């Protein structure tokens, strides 16, 4: 029987150049969606999926991420002294919801290189990968990461989240092709990183969430640099497919990619409209822009 998925890896070391100049000093993963940073939503998804052992891959400019999840006893004391019970409880919940570890990626070498830095932490267990700059909202009560873990725990191998993308965007993503063996569940036969439209096996794009077999590490070690001179996780997964099953899961929900400005603004509107304290006023404001 496959082992249960108990650990998660969150790559968060990239420069975030599309958000310069703010990303020079503030990690893009720390940009706020209303009043919580993006990466907190990502951690909350992992925790809601039953995972509480999390390794974050960061770089020199990402110390703010460590600070966010580190206990702040002086701030807690001040909130307690001022009777700010709601804020104090939110802070303590943040710091206690998972065991979070950090490792540095000293040189940007691609997503595959970032995942290699998790080899010692993961060991011989399947593990989830959640991109730190992307919030994935499931249309059901079960988070997408949990859905992928269920696939791997039932079928073994690895699994990736999939969404259909327009033809003009196919060349931006890793694209999976294969046979549908159940509602939304595809057994992969082809996995290509950023193919030309005419070479793409489908329009099903990997959507920022993975559950990977520990076998991926051996393939990452022998995979040569791919597009952009970086170690591509997709290339290693395509190699691993010769030995193990790869499934894709087409999920119902929305992906909020905070790596670009327009989607960041859209995401703030989306999450703002979920908040009872500001949604009515926000709706009225949006009407004035129509």
C-alpha atoms as a PDB file:
ATOM      1  CA  UNK A   1       0.000   0.000   0.000  1.00  0.00           C
ATOM      2  CA  UNK A   2       1.238   3.531  -0.755  1.00  0.00           C
ATOM      3  CA  UNK A   3       2.341   5.520   2.267  1.00  0.00           C
ATOM      4  CA  UNK A   4       0.116   8.394   3.464  1.00  0.00           C
ATOM      5  CA  UNK A   5       1.039  11.917   2.427  1.00  0.00           C
ATOM      6  CA  UNK A   6       2.328  13.620   5.594  1.00  0.00           C
ATOM      7  CA  UNK A   7       4.771  16.245   4.314  1.00  0.00           C
ATOM      8  CA  UNK A   8       4.619  19.259   2.033  1.00  0.00           C
ATOM      9  CA  UNK A   9       7.218  21.350   0.239  1.00  0.00           C
ATOM     10  CA  UNK A  10       6.527  24.994  -0.632  1.00  0.00           C
ATOM     11  CA  UNK A  11       9.004  26.516  -3.115  1.00  0.00           C
ATOM     12  CA  UNK A  12       9.232  30.251  -2.448  1.00  0.00           C
ATOM     13  CA  UNK A  13      12.735  31.296  -3.484  1.00  0.00           C
ATOM     14  CA  UNK A  14      12.118  33.040  -6.816  1.00  0.00           C
ATOM     15  CA  UNK A  15      12.967  36.680  -7.395  1.00  0.00           C
ATOM     16  CA  UNK A  16       9.450  37.779  -8.342  1.00  0.00           C
ATOM     17  CA  UNK A  17      10.767  40.074 -11.078  1.00  0.00           C
ATOM     18  CA  UNK A  18       7.285  40.708 -12.477  1.00  0.00           C
ATOM     19  CA  UNK A  19       6.511  42.547  -9.227  1.00  0.00           C
ATOM     20  CA  UNK A  20       9.519  44.821  -9.150  1.00  0.00           C
ATOM     21  CA  UNK A  21      10.130  47.253  -7.551  1.00  0.00           C
ATOM     22  CA  UNK A  22       8.077  46.059  -4.536  1.00  0.00           C
ATOM     23  CA  UNK A  23       9.499  42.500  -4.727  1.00  0.00           C
ATOM     24  CA  UNK A  24      13.043  43.828  -4.227  1.00  0.00           C
ATOM     25  CA  UNK A  25      12.287  44.230  -0.515  1.00  0.00           C
ATOM     26  CA  UNK A  26       9.006  42.317  -0.041  1.00  0.00           C
ATOM     27  CA  UNK A  27       8.723  38.675  -1.192  1.00  0.00           C
ATOM     28  CA  UNK A  28       5.847  38.272  -3.651  1.00  0.00           C
ATOM     29  CA  UNK A  29       4.615  35.433  -1.424  1.00  0.00           C
ATOM     30  CA  UNK A  30       4.151  38.019   1.346  1.00  0.00           C
ATOM     31  CA  UNK A  31       1.919  40.289  -0.725  1.00  0.00           C
ATOM     32  CA  UNK A  32      -1.464  40.546   1.001  1.00  0.00           C
ATOM     33  CA  UNK A  33      -4.771  39.122  -0.091  1.00  0.00           C
ATOM     34  CA  UNK A  34      -6.899  41.454   2.020  1.00  0.00           C
ATOM     35  CA  UNK A  35      -5.113  40.987   5.382  1.00  0.00           C
ATOM     36  CA  UNK A  36      -3.210  37.702   4.998  1.00  0.00           C
ATOM     37  CA  UNK A  37      -0.117  37.105   2.878  1.00  0.00           C
ATOM     38  CA  UNK A  38      -0.431  34.773  -0.081  1.00  0.00           C
ATOM     39  CA  UNK A  39       1.802  32.128   1.481  1.00  0.00           C
ATOM     40  CA  UNK A  40      -0.418  31.861   4.542  1.00  0.00           C
ATOM     41  CA  UNK A  41      -3.299  30.758   2.322  1.00  0.00           C
ATOM     42  CA  UNK A  42      -0.967  28.136   0.842  1.00  0.00           C
ATOM     43  CA  UNK A  43       0.021  26.833   4.289  1.00  0.00           C
ATOM     44  CA  UNK A  44      -3.627  26.761   5.346  1.00  0.00           C
ATOM     45  CA  UNK A  45      -4.446  24.598   2.311  1.00  0.00           C
ATOM     46  CA  UNK A  46      -1.710  22.147   3.289  1.00  0.00           C
ATOM     47  CA  UNK A  47      -2.985  22.007   6.880  1.00  0.00           C
ATOM     48  CA  UNK A  48      -6.600  21.560   5.707  1.00  0.00           C
ATOM     49  CA  UNK A  49      -5.284  18.631   3.633  1.00  0.00           C
ATOM     50  CA  UNK A  50      -4.016  16.886   6.771  1.00  0.00           C
ATOM     51  CA  UNK A  51      -0.370  17.946   6.358  1.00  0.00           C
ATOM     52  CA  UNK A  52       1.405  19.662   9.240  1.00  0.00           C
ATOM     53  CA  UNK A  53       5.087  19.045   8.405  1.00  0.00           C
ATOM     54  CA  UNK A  54       6.073  21.702   5.875  1.00  0.00           C
ATOM     55  CA  UNK A  55       9.419  22.634   4.331  1.00  0.00           C
ATOM     56  CA  UNK A  56       9.725  26.020   2.642  1.00  0.00           C
ATOM     57  CA  UNK A  57      12.450  26.641   0.061  1.00  0.00           C
ATOM     58  CA  UNK A  58      13.516  30.271   0.358  1.00  0.00           C
ATOM     59  CA  UNK A  59      16.398  32.539  -0.659  1.00  0.00           C
ATOM     60  CA  UNK A  60      18.355  35.447   0.769  1.00  0.00           C
ATOM     61  CA  UNK A  61      15.632  38.035   0.152  1.00  0.00           C
ATOM     62  CA  UNK A  62      12.842  35.962   1.736  1.00  0.00           C
ATOM     63  CA  UNK A  63      13.533  36.335   5.445  1.00  0.00           C
ATOM     64  CA  UNK A  64      10.168  38.065   5.872  1.00  0.00           C
ATOM     65  CA  UNK A  65       8.519  34.677   5.287  1.00  0.00           C
ATOM     66  CA  UNK A  66      10.429  33.194   8.216  1.00  0.00           C
ATOM     67  CA  UNK A  67       9.500  36.170  10.383  1.00  0.00           C
ATOM     68  CA  UNK A  68       5.812  35.789   9.530  1.00  0.00           C
ATOM     69  CA  UNK A  69       5.646  32.221  10.848  1.00  0.00           C
ATOM     70  CA  UNK A  70       8.027  32.723  13.783  1.00  0.00           C
ATOM     71  CA  UNK A  71       6.578  33.356  17.280  1.00  0.00           C
ATOM     72  CA  UNK A  72       6.479  37.027  18.296  1.00  0.00           C
ATOM     73  CA  UNK A  73       6.171  36.936  22.069  1.00  0.00           C
ATOM     74  CA  UNK A  74       6.576  40.686  22.514  1.00  0.00           C
ATOM     75  CA  UNK A  75       3.712  41.372  20.109  1.00  0.00           C
ATOM     76  CA  UNK A  76       1.572  38.741  21.806  1.00  0.00           C
ATOM     77  CA  UNK A  77       2.233  40.362  25.193  1.00  0.00           C
ATOM     78  CA  UNK A  78       1.245  43.787  23.867  1.00  0.00           C
ATOM     79  CA  UNK A  79      -1.966  42.474  22.306  1.00  0.00           C
ATOM     80  CA  UNK A  80      -2.846  40.695  25.569  1.00  0.00           C
ATOM     81  CA  UNK A  81      -2.177  43.847  27.589  1.00  0.00           C
ATOM     82  CA  UNK A  82      -4.469  45.867  25.336  1.00  0.00           C
ATOM     83  CA  UNK A  83      -7.251  43.288  25.387  1.00  0.00           C
ATOM     84  CA  UNK A  84      -6.953  42.566  21.662  1.00  0.00           C
ATOM     85  CA  UNK A  85      -8.139  38.984  22.047  1.00  0.00           C
ATOM     86  CA  UNK A  86      -9.227  38.395  18.446  1.00  0.00           C
ATOM     87  CA  UNK A  87      -5.903  39.509  16.974  1.00  0.00           C
ATOM     88  CA  UNK A  88      -3.988  37.554  19.647  1.00  0.00           C
ATOM     89  CA  UNK A  89      -5.872  34.352  18.849  1.00  0.00           C
ATOM     90  CA  UNK A  90      -5.235  34.798  15.105  1.00  0.00           C
ATOM     91  CA  UNK A  91      -1.519  35.201  15.777  1.00  0.00           C
ATOM     92  CA  UNK A  92      -1.303  32.129  17.990  1.00  0.00           C
ATOM     93  CA  UNK A  93      -3.280  30.046  15.489  1.00  0.00           C
ATOM     94  CA  UNK A  94      -0.873  31.074  12.732  1.00  0.00           C
ATOM     95  CA  UNK A  95       2.155  29.997  14.739  1.00  0.00           C
ATOM     96  CA  UNK A  96       0.735  26.674  15.909  1.00  0.00           C
ATOM     97  CA  UNK A  97      -0.967  25.249  12.835  1.00  0.00           C
ATOM     98  CA  UNK A  98       2.071  23.435  11.402  1.00  0.00           C
ATOM     99  CA  UNK A  99       5.720  22.509  11.923  1.00  0.00           C
ATOM    100  CA  UNK A 100       7.437  24.751   9.398  1.00  0.00           C
ATOM    101  CA  UNK A 101      11.078  24.333   8.417  1.00  0.00           C
ATOM    102  CA  UNK A 102      13.190  26.428   6.065  1.00  0.00           C
ATOM    103  CA  UNK A 103      16.049  25.679   3.700  1.00  0.00           C
ATOM    104  CA  UNK A 104      17.823  28.118   1.391  1.00  0.00           C
ATOM    105  CA  UNK A 105      18.177  27.736  -2.357  1.00  0.00           C
ATOM    106  CA  UNK A 106      21.391  29.738  -2.879  1.00  0.00           C
ATOM    107  CA  UNK A 107      21.086  29.994  -6.668  1.00  0.00           C
ATOM    108  CA  UNK A 108      17.935  30.098  -8.761  1.00  0.00           C
ATOM    109  CA  UNK A 109      18.045  26.906 -10.843  1.00  0.00           C
ATOM    110  CA  UNK A 110      14.393  26.213 -11.561  1.00  0.00           C
ATOM    111  CA  UNK A 111      11.562  24.418  -9.794  1.00  0.00           C
ATOM    112  CA  UNK A 112      13.317  21.063 -10.131  1.00  0.00           C
ATOM    113  CA  UNK A 113      16.385  22.412  -8.367  1.00  0.00           C
ATOM    114  CA  UNK A 114      14.216  23.822  -5.574  1.00  0.00           C
ATOM    115  CA  UNK A 115      12.545  20.422  -5.061  1.00  0.00           C
ATOM    116  CA  UNK A 116      15.962  18.729  -4.862  1.00  0.00           C
ATOM    117  CA  UNK A 117      16.681  20.808  -1.751  1.00  0.00           C
ATOM    118  CA  UNK A 118      13.856  18.898  -0.015  1.00  0.00           C
ATOM    119  CA  UNK A 119      15.371  15.440  -0.570  1.00  0.00           C
ATOM    120  CA  UNK A 120      16.738  14.926   2.962  1.00  0.00           C
ATOM    121  CA  UNK A 121      13.577  16.276   4.598  1.00  0.00           C
ATOM    122  CA  UNK A 122      11.202  14.134   2.539  1.00  0.00           C
ATOM    123  CA  UNK A 123      13.113  10.848   2.691  1.00  0.00           C
ATOM    124  CA  UNK A 124      11.247   7.898   1.183  1.00  0.00           C
ATOM    125  CA  UNK A 125       7.698   9.284   1.510  1.00  0.00           C
ATOM    126  CA  UNK A 126       5.318  10.761  -1.058  1.00  0.00           C
ATOM    127  CA  UNK A 127       5.014  14.503  -0.547  1.00  0.00           C
ATOM    128  CA  UNK A 128       2.907  17.438  -1.653  1.00  0.00           C
ATOM    129  CA  UNK A 129       4.295  20.433  -3.525  1.00  0.00           C
ATOM    130  CA  UNK A 130       2.360  23.707  -3.311  1.00  0.00           C
ATOM    131  CA  UNK A 131       3.748  26.685  -5.219  1.00  0.00           C
ATOM    132  CA  UNK A 132       4.119  29.535  -2.762  1.00  0.00           C
ATOM    133  CA  UNK A 133       2.843  32.275  -5.058  1.00  0.00           C
ATOM    134  CA  UNK A 134      -0.398  30.583  -6.105  1.00  0.00           C
ATOM    135  CA  UNK A 135      -3.655  30.163  -4.201  1.00  0.00           C
ATOM    136  CA  UNK A 136      -5.825  27.309  -5.460  1.00  0.00           C
ATOM    137  CA  UNK A 137      -9.435  27.457  -4.304  1.00  0.00           C
ATOM    138  CA  UNK A 138     -11.432  24.230  -4.553  1.00  0.00           C
ATOM    139  CA  UNK A 139     -15.113  24.365  -5.463  1.00  0.00           C
ATOM    140  CA  UNK A 140     -15.718  21.536  -2.978  1.00  0.00           C
ATOM    141  CA  UNK A 141     -15.082  21.154   0.746  1.00  0.00           C
ATOM    142  CA  UNK A 142     -11.949  19.098   0.004  1.00  0.00           C
ATOM    143  CA  UNK A 143      -8.781  21.095  -0.838  1.00  0.00           C
ATOM    144  CA  UNK A 144      -7.100  20.294  -4.146  1.00  0.00           C
ATOM    145  CA  UNK A 145      -3.957  19.074  -2.346  1.00  0.00           C
ATOM    146  CA  UNK A 146      -6.067  16.606  -0.359  1.00  0.00           C
ATOM    147  CA  UNK A 147      -7.729  15.396  -3.564  1.00  0.00           C
ATOM    148  CA  UNK A 148      -4.298  14.702  -5.086  1.00  0.00           C
ATOM    149  CA  UNK A 149      -3.146  12.921  -1.919  1.00  0.00           C
ATOM    150  CA  UNK A 150      -6.220  10.685  -2.122  1.00  0.00           C
ATOM    151  CA  UNK A 151      -5.321   9.760  -5.720  1.00  0.00           C
ATOM    152  CA  UNK A 152      -1.750   8.837  -4.752  1.00  0.00           C
ATOM    153  CA  UNK A 153      -2.791   6.950  -1.625  1.00  0.00           C
ATOM    154  CA  UNK A 154      -5.230   4.911  -3.726  1.00  0.00           C
ATOM    155  CA  UNK A 155      -3.245   4.414  -6.945  1.00  0.00           C
ATOM    156  CA  UNK A 156       0.404   5.057  -5.995  1.00  0.00           C
ATOM    157  CA  UNK A 157       2.840   6.991  -8.176  1.00  0.00           C
ATOM    158  CA  UNK A 158       2.401  10.753  -8.455  1.00  0.00           C
ATOM    159  CA  UNK A 159      -0.454  13.148  -9.251  1.00  0.00           C
ATOM    160  CA  UNK A 160      -0.776  16.711 -10.515  1.00  0.00           C
ATOM    161  CA  UNK A 161      -3.652  19.197 -10.501  1.00  0.00           C
ATOM    162  CA  UNK A 162      -4.932  20.166 -13.942  1.00  0.00           C
ATOM    163  CA  UNK A 163      -6.982  22.955 -15.433  1.00  0.00           C
ATOM    164  CA  UNK A 164      -8.014  23.557 -19.022  1.00  0.00           C
ATOM    165  CA  UNK A 165      -6.368  26.647 -20.548  1.00  0.00           C
ATOM    166  CA  UNK A 166      -7.127  28.544 -23.770  1.00  0.00           C
ATOM    167  CA  UNK A 167      -5.093  27.542 -26.828  1.00  0.00           C
ATOM    168  CA  UNK A 168      -3.111  30.787 -26.760  1.00  0.00           C
ATOM    169  CA  UNK A 169      -1.846  30.016 -23.232  1.00  0.00           C
ATOM    170  CA  UNK A 170      -0.794  26.391 -23.762  1.00  0.00           C
ATOM    171  CA  UNK A 171       2.846  27.390 -24.343  1.00  0.00           C
ATOM    172  CA  UNK A 172       3.054  28.932 -20.855  1.00  0.00           C
ATOM    173  CA  UNK A 173       2.492  25.740 -18.862  1.00  0.00           C
ATOM    174  CA  UNK A 174       3.415  22.118 -18.377  1.00  0.00           C
ATOM    175  CA  UNK A 175       0.831  20.197 -20.427  1.00  0.00           C
ATOM    176  CA  UNK A 176      -0.356  16.649 -19.737  1.00  0.00           C
ATOM    177  CA  UNK A 177      -1.931  14.197 -22.128  1.00  0.00           C
ATOM    178  CA  UNK A 178      -3.397  10.759 -21.452  1.00  0.00           C
ATOM    179  CA  UNK A 179      -6.475   8.591 -20.958  1.00  0.00           C
ATOM    180  CA  UNK A 180      -9.402   9.576 -18.752  1.00  0.00           C
ATOM    181  CA  UNK A 181     -10.042   6.643 -16.404  1.00  0.00           C
ATOM    182  CA  UNK A 182     -12.598   8.315 -14.163  1.00  0.00           C
ATOM    183  CA  UNK A 183     -14.422  11.631 -13.793  1.00  0.00           C
ATOM    184  CA  UNK A 184     -11.638  14.199 -14.127  1.00  0.00           C
ATOM    185  CA  UNK A 185      -8.937  11.580 -13.472  1.00  0.00           C
ATOM    186  CA  UNK A 186      -6.389  11.021 -16.246  1.00  0.00           C
ATOM    187  CA  UNK A 187      -3.645   8.418 -16.479  1.00  0.00           C
ATOM    188  CA  UNK A 188      -0.814  10.319 -18.123  1.00  0.00           C
ATOM    189  CA  UNK A 189       1.017   9.141 -21.209  1.00  0.00           C
ATOM    190  CA  UNK A 190       2.714  12.448 -22.100  1.00  0.00           C
ATOM    191  CA  UNK A 191       3.969  15.381 -20.036  1.00  0.00           C
ATOM    192  CA  UNK A 192       5.608  18.339 -21.787  1.00  0.00           C
ATOM    193  CA  UNK A 193       6.969  21.623 -20.421  1.00  0.00           C
ATOM    194  CA  UNK A 194       5.685  24.717 -22.295  1.00  0.00           C
ATOM    195  CA  UNK A 195       5.089  23.083 -25.676  1.00  0.00           C
ATOM    196  CA  UNK A 196       4.248  24.895 -28.896  1.00  0.00           C
ATOM    197  CA  UNK A 197       0.505  24.736 -29.524  1.00  0.00           C
ATOM    198  CA  UNK A 198       0.909  22.357 -32.453  1.00  0.00           C
ATOM    199  CA  UNK A 199       3.022  19.997 -30.300  1.00  0.00           C
ATOM    200  CA  UNK A 200       0.815  20.032 -27.204  1.00  0.00           C
ATOM    201  CA  UNK A 201      -0.876  16.722 -26.283  1.00  0.00           C
ATOM    202  CA  UNK A 202      -3.910  18.567 -24.842  1.00  0.00           C
ATOM    203  CA  UNK A 203      -4.909  21.867 -23.268  1.00  0.00           C
ATOM    204  CA  UNK A 204      -4.687  20.474 -19.719  1.00  0.00           C
ATOM    205  CA  UNK A 205      -2.160  22.534 -17.780  1.00  0.00           C
ATOM    206  CA  UNK A 206      -0.486  21.729 -14.477  1.00  0.00           C
ATOM    207  CA  UNK A 207      -2.032  23.983 -11.867  1.00  0.00           C
ATOM    208  CA  UNK A 208       0.518  24.674  -9.109  1.00  0.00           C
ATOM    209  CA  UNK A 209      -0.218  21.591  -6.972  1.00  0.00           C
ATOM    210  CA  UNK A 210       1.509  18.203  -7.033  1.00  0.00           C
ATOM    211  CA  UNK A 211       1.821  15.071  -4.912  1.00  0.00           C
ATOM    212  CA  UNK A 212       5.081  13.374  -5.873  1.00  0.00           C
ATOM    213  CA  UNK A 213       6.674  10.002  -5.327  1.00  0.00           C
ATOM    214  CA  UNK A 214      10.106  10.116  -3.634  1.00  0.00           C
ATOM    215  CA  UNK A 215      11.342   8.496  -6.842  1.00  0.00           C
ATOM    216  CA  UNK A 216      11.351  11.975  -8.371  1.00  0.00           C
ATOM    217  CA  UNK A 217      14.681  12.780  -6.694  1.00  0.00           C
ATOM    218  CA  UNK A 218      16.675  10.170  -8.620  1.00  0.00           C
ATOM    219  CA  UNK A 219      15.250  11.531 -11.861  1.00  0.00           C
ATOM    220  CA  UNK A 220      15.947  15.142 -10.916  1.00  0.00           C
ATOM    221  CA  UNK A 221      19.583  14.200 -10.303  1.00  0.00           C
ATOM    222  CA  UNK A 222      19.979  12.785 -13.811  1.00  0.00           C
ATOM    223  CA  UNK A 223      17.822  15.301 -15.701  1.00  0.00           C
ATOM    224  CA  UNK A 224      19.831  17.862 -17.725  1.00  0.00           C
ATOM    225  CA  UNK A 225      18.902  21.556 -17.631  1.00  0.00           C
ATOM    226  CA  UNK A 226      15.920  22.337 -19.839  1.00  0.00           C
ATOM    227  CA  UNK A 227      14.314  25.513 -21.091  1.00  0.00           C
ATOM    228  CA  UNK A 228      16.006  28.629 -19.770  1.00  0.00           C
ATOM    229  CA  UNK A 229      18.961  26.572 -18.558  1.00  0.00           C
ATOM    230  CA  UNK A 230      16.950  25.549 -15.479  1.00  0.00           C
ATOM    231  CA  UNK A 231      16.221  22.130 -14.019  1.00  0.00           C
ATOM    232  CA  UNK A 232      12.610  21.542 -14.997  1.00  0.00           C
ATOM    233  CA  UNK A 233      10.451  19.463 -12.669  1.00  0.00           C
ATOM    234  CA  UNK A 234       8.273  18.542 -15.641  1.00  0.00           C
ATOM    235  CA  UNK A 235      11.229  16.935 -17.465  1.00  0.00           C
ATOM    236  CA  UNK A 236      12.050  14.778 -14.435  1.00  0.00           C
ATOM    237  CA  UNK A 237       8.404  13.771 -14.040  1.00  0.00           C
ATOM    238  CA  UNK A 238       8.234  12.777 -17.719  1.00  0.00           C
ATOM    239  CA  UNK A 239      11.282  10.554 -17.105  1.00  0.00           C
ATOM    240  CA  UNK A 240       9.740   9.083 -13.937  1.00  0.00           C
ATOM    241  CA  UNK A 241       6.653   8.081 -15.942  1.00  0.00           C
ATOM    242  CA  UNK A 242       8.680   5.255 -17.488  1.00  0.00           C
ATOM    243  CA  UNK A 243       8.821   3.630 -14.023  1.00  0.00           C
ATOM    244  CA  UNK A 244       5.764   4.842 -12.125  1.00  0.00           C
ATOM    245  CA  UNK A 245       2.215   5.920 -12.818  1.00  0.00           C
ATOM    246  CA  UNK A 246       1.406   9.607 -13.129  1.00  0.00           C
ATOM    247  CA  UNK A 247      -2.173  10.809 -12.797  1.00  0.00           C
ATOM    248  CA  UNK A 248      -3.651  14.189 -13.562  1.00  0.00           C
ATOM    249  CA  UNK A 249      -6.728  15.448 -11.723  1.00  0.00           C
ATOM    250  CA  UNK A 250      -8.914  18.033 -13.423  1.00  0.00           C
ATOM    251  CA  UNK A 251     -10.424  19.843 -10.456  1.00  0.00           C
ATOM    252  CA  UNK A 252     -13.324  22.238 -10.003  1.00  0.00           C
ATOM    253  CA  UNK A 253     -12.176  25.548  -8.607  1.00  0.00           C
ATOM    254  CA  UNK A 254     -10.090  28.628  -9.277  1.00  0.00           C
ATOM    255  CA  UNK A 255      -6.363  29.282  -9.479  1.00  0.00           C
ATOM    256  CA  UNK A 256      -5.102  32.668  -8.318  1.00  0.00           C
ATOM    257  CA  UNK A 257      -1.572  33.163  -9.639  1.00  0.00           C
ATOM    258  CA  UNK A 258      -0.083  36.004  -7.623  1.00  0.00           C
ATOM    259  CA  UNK A 259       2.959  36.055  -9.888  1.00  0.00           C
ATOM    260  CA  UNK A 260       1.416  38.718 -12.115  1.00  0.00           C
ATOM    261  CA  UNK A 261      -0.148  42.064 -11.297  1.00  0.00           C
ATOM    262  CA  UNK A 262      -3.560  41.632 -12.895  1.00  0.00           C
ATOM    263  CA  UNK A 263      -4.274  38.296 -11.228  1.00  0.00           C
ATOM    264  CA  UNK A 264      -3.077  39.729  -7.908  1.00  0.00           C
ATOM    265  CA  UNK A 265      -5.654  42.526  -8.158  1.00  0.00           C
ATOM    266  CA  UNK A 266      -8.375  40.083  -9.231  1.00  0.00           C
ATOM    267  CA  UNK A 267      -7.521  37.808  -6.309  1.00  0.00           C
ATOM    268  CA  UNK A 268      -7.848  40.652  -3.808  1.00  0.00           C
ATOM    269  CA  UNK A 269     -11.284  41.454  -5.183  1.00  0.00           C
ATOM    270  CA  UNK A 270     -12.278  37.777  -5.054  1.00  0.00           C
ATOM    271  CA  UNK A 271     -11.180  37.299  -1.442  1.00  0.00           C
ATOM    272  CA  UNK A 272     -12.509  40.701  -0.415  1.00  0.00           C
ATOM    273  CA  UNK A 273     -15.954  39.675  -1.623  1.00  0.00           C
ATOM    274  CA  UNK A 274     -15.778  36.613   0.670  1.00  0.00           C
ATOM    275  CA  UNK A 275     -15.331  38.819   3.745  1.00  0.00           C
ATOM    276  CA  UNK A 276     -18.485  39.789   5.603  1.00  0.00           C
ATOM    277  CA  UNK A 277     -16.817  42.848   7.107  1.00  0.00           C
ATOM    278  CA  UNK A 278     -15.943  44.512   3.803  1.00  0.00           C
ATOM    279  CA  UNK A 279     -17.929  42.729   1.057  1.00  0.00           C
ATOM    280  CA  UNK A 280     -20.997  45.043   1.078  1.00  0.00           C
ATOM    281  CA  UNK A 281     -18.930  48.222   0.798  1.00  0.00           C
ATOM    282  CA  UNK A 282     -16.639  46.633  -1.799  1.00  0.00           C
ATOM    283  CA  UNK A 283     -19.610  45.612  -3.957  1.00  0.00           C
ATOM    284  CA  UNK A 284     -20.963  49.142  -3.855  1.00  0.00           C
ATOM    285  CA  UNK A 285     -17.584  50.538  -4.826  1.00  0.00           C
ATOM    286  CA  UNK A 286     -17.246  48.122  -7.752  1.00  0.00           C
ATOM    287  CA  UNK A 287     -20.646  49.227  -9.045  1.00  0.00           C
ATOM    288  CA  UNK A 288     -19.366  52.795  -9.293  1.00  0.00           C
ATOM    289  CA  UNK A 289     -16.630  51.599 -11.670  1.00  0.00           C
ATOM    290  CA  UNK A 290     -19.008  49.907 -14.110  1.00  0.00           C
END
